[in-house]
Protein backbone atom coordinates (compact mmCIF):
# COMPACT_ATOMS: atom_id res chain seq x y z
CA GLU A 1 -0.29 -22.79 -5.82
CA VAL A 2 1.56 -21.29 -3.01
CA GLN A 3 2.95 -23.81 -0.62
CA LEU A 4 5.06 -23.46 2.49
CA GLN A 5 6.71 -26.44 4.37
CA ALA A 6 8.56 -25.88 7.64
CA SER A 7 10.88 -28.73 8.68
CA GLY A 8 13.87 -29.18 11.01
CA GLY A 9 12.07 -29.11 14.47
CA GLY A 10 12.95 -31.98 17.15
CA LEU A 11 13.91 -32.68 20.63
CA VAL A 12 16.53 -30.27 22.49
CA GLN A 13 17.95 -29.66 25.75
CA ALA A 14 17.82 -26.54 27.28
CA GLY A 15 20.62 -23.98 25.91
CA GLY A 16 20.87 -25.92 23.02
CA SER A 17 20.34 -25.00 19.07
CA LEU A 18 17.98 -26.10 16.20
CA ARG A 19 17.74 -24.55 12.81
CA LEU A 20 14.22 -24.36 11.07
CA SER A 21 13.71 -24.34 7.47
CA CYS A 22 10.96 -22.91 5.33
CA ALA A 23 10.47 -24.34 1.95
CA ALA A 24 8.51 -22.38 -0.60
CA SER A 25 6.92 -23.01 -3.81
CA GLY A 26 4.63 -21.51 -6.16
CA PHE A 27 5.75 -17.83 -5.75
CA THR A 28 8.99 -15.95 -5.50
CA PHE A 29 10.57 -14.60 -2.32
CA ASP A 30 11.31 -11.37 -3.61
CA ASP A 31 7.57 -9.72 -3.35
CA TYR A 32 6.90 -11.21 0.12
CA ALA A 33 7.62 -11.05 3.44
CA ILE A 34 8.22 -14.52 5.40
CA GLY A 35 7.18 -14.78 9.05
CA TRP A 36 7.55 -17.44 11.68
CA PHE A 37 5.04 -18.07 14.19
CA ARG A 38 4.64 -20.67 16.99
CA GLN A 39 1.71 -22.12 18.73
CA ALA A 40 2.25 -23.83 22.33
CA PRO A 41 -0.33 -26.10 23.86
CA GLY A 42 -3.36 -24.11 25.11
CA LYS A 43 -1.80 -20.80 24.13
CA GLU A 44 -2.85 -18.68 20.77
CA ARG A 45 -0.23 -18.44 18.06
CA GLU A 46 2.13 -15.76 18.47
CA GLY A 47 4.70 -14.15 15.73
CA VAL A 48 8.34 -14.78 16.52
CA SER A 49 10.15 -13.23 13.45
CA CYS A 50 9.49 -11.63 10.39
CA ILE A 51 11.94 -10.95 7.29
CA SER A 52 11.57 -8.72 4.55
CA SER A 53 12.60 -10.26 1.28
CA ARG A 54 13.21 -6.64 -0.52
CA ASP A 55 15.87 -5.31 1.83
CA GLY A 56 16.51 -8.31 4.31
CA GLY A 57 15.11 -6.49 7.40
CA ALA A 58 14.35 -8.23 10.13
CA TYR A 59 11.70 -8.24 13.12
CA TYR A 60 12.10 -10.41 16.08
CA ALA A 61 9.45 -10.74 19.29
CA ASP A 62 11.20 -9.51 22.57
CA SER A 63 11.17 -12.89 23.89
CA VAL A 64 13.54 -14.14 21.09
CA LYS A 65 15.64 -10.93 20.35
CA GLY A 66 19.21 -12.12 20.82
CA ARG A 67 18.60 -15.46 20.41
CA PHE A 68 16.75 -16.16 17.30
CA THR A 69 18.32 -15.10 13.93
CA ILE A 70 15.66 -15.30 10.82
CA SER A 71 17.40 -15.25 7.05
CA GLU A 72 16.77 -16.65 3.95
CA ASP A 73 17.94 -17.75 0.28
CA ASN A 74 16.00 -16.22 -2.16
CA THR A 75 17.69 -18.24 -4.98
CA LYS A 76 16.57 -21.59 -3.16
CA ASN A 77 13.09 -20.17 -1.92
CA LEU A 78 13.99 -20.97 1.38
CA ALA A 79 13.90 -19.31 4.64
CA TYR A 80 15.33 -20.09 8.12
CA LEU A 81 14.90 -19.57 11.41
CA GLN A 82 18.54 -20.17 13.76
CA MET A 83 17.21 -20.84 17.30
CA ASN A 84 20.02 -20.55 20.08
CA ARG A 85 19.96 -20.62 23.60
CA LEU A 86 16.61 -22.48 23.74
CA LYS A 87 14.42 -22.34 26.49
CA PRO A 88 11.69 -24.75 27.82
CA GLU A 89 9.13 -21.97 27.00
CA ASP A 90 10.34 -22.04 23.31
CA THR A 91 8.49 -25.39 23.16
CA ALA A 92 6.01 -24.94 20.44
CA VAL A 93 4.68 -25.98 17.01
CA TYR A 94 6.43 -23.42 14.43
CA TYR A 95 4.74 -22.54 11.36
CA CYS A 96 6.38 -20.45 8.57
CA ALA A 97 3.97 -17.95 6.64
CA ALA A 98 4.21 -15.79 3.51
CA GLY A 99 2.62 -12.26 3.12
CA SER A 100 2.98 -9.26 0.87
CA GLU A 101 6.07 -7.16 1.24
CA GLY A 102 3.71 -4.36 3.34
CA THR A 103 3.31 -7.18 5.97
CA PHE A 104 7.01 -6.80 7.27
CA TYR A 105 5.98 -3.05 7.82
CA HIS A 106 2.40 -3.26 8.85
CA GLY A 107 1.88 -6.12 10.89
CA PRO A 108 5.08 -8.70 11.00
CA THR A 109 3.37 -10.58 13.76
CA GLN A 110 -0.16 -10.25 12.72
CA LEU A 111 -1.60 -13.64 11.95
CA GLY A 112 -3.91 -12.06 9.22
CA GLU A 113 -1.58 -10.20 7.71
CA TYR A 114 0.14 -13.77 6.04
CA SER A 115 -1.91 -15.13 3.07
CA SER A 116 -0.14 -18.42 3.13
CA TRP A 117 0.99 -20.98 5.83
CA GLY A 118 2.60 -23.95 6.12
CA GLN A 119 2.35 -27.29 8.25
CA GLY A 120 4.35 -26.71 11.37
CA THR A 121 7.29 -28.50 12.94
CA GLN A 122 7.25 -29.17 16.82
CA VAL A 123 10.04 -27.85 18.55
CA THR A 124 10.59 -29.33 22.25
CA VAL A 125 13.01 -28.01 24.60
CA SER A 126 13.42 -30.22 27.80
CA SER A 127 14.76 -28.72 30.87
């Protein structure tokens, strides 16, 4: 059974940093793309970043480019989202998700491309 669990959220002041983790079980990262999404109150879930487990390629939404860094440790089936220079508008519940390797190339921010989702972790950035 494929399972994902996001953790590492919390309350931070604007300009601060957090690192989110995504622990996966039931599959190996090698054949999957891992994505991070977020959903703010009253808004649709949006794609933030995606990493290709095949070659480590990374995709970032324009809103986080230059501030967030996605990475993974294939030996531990862990993915990370390092979030620096956080802004109040980054406040949301953050989710990690797994999709096929093709997801990275065809739809890194499309919810329908991801077959497995973890529970979210709350990130709150105060001004």
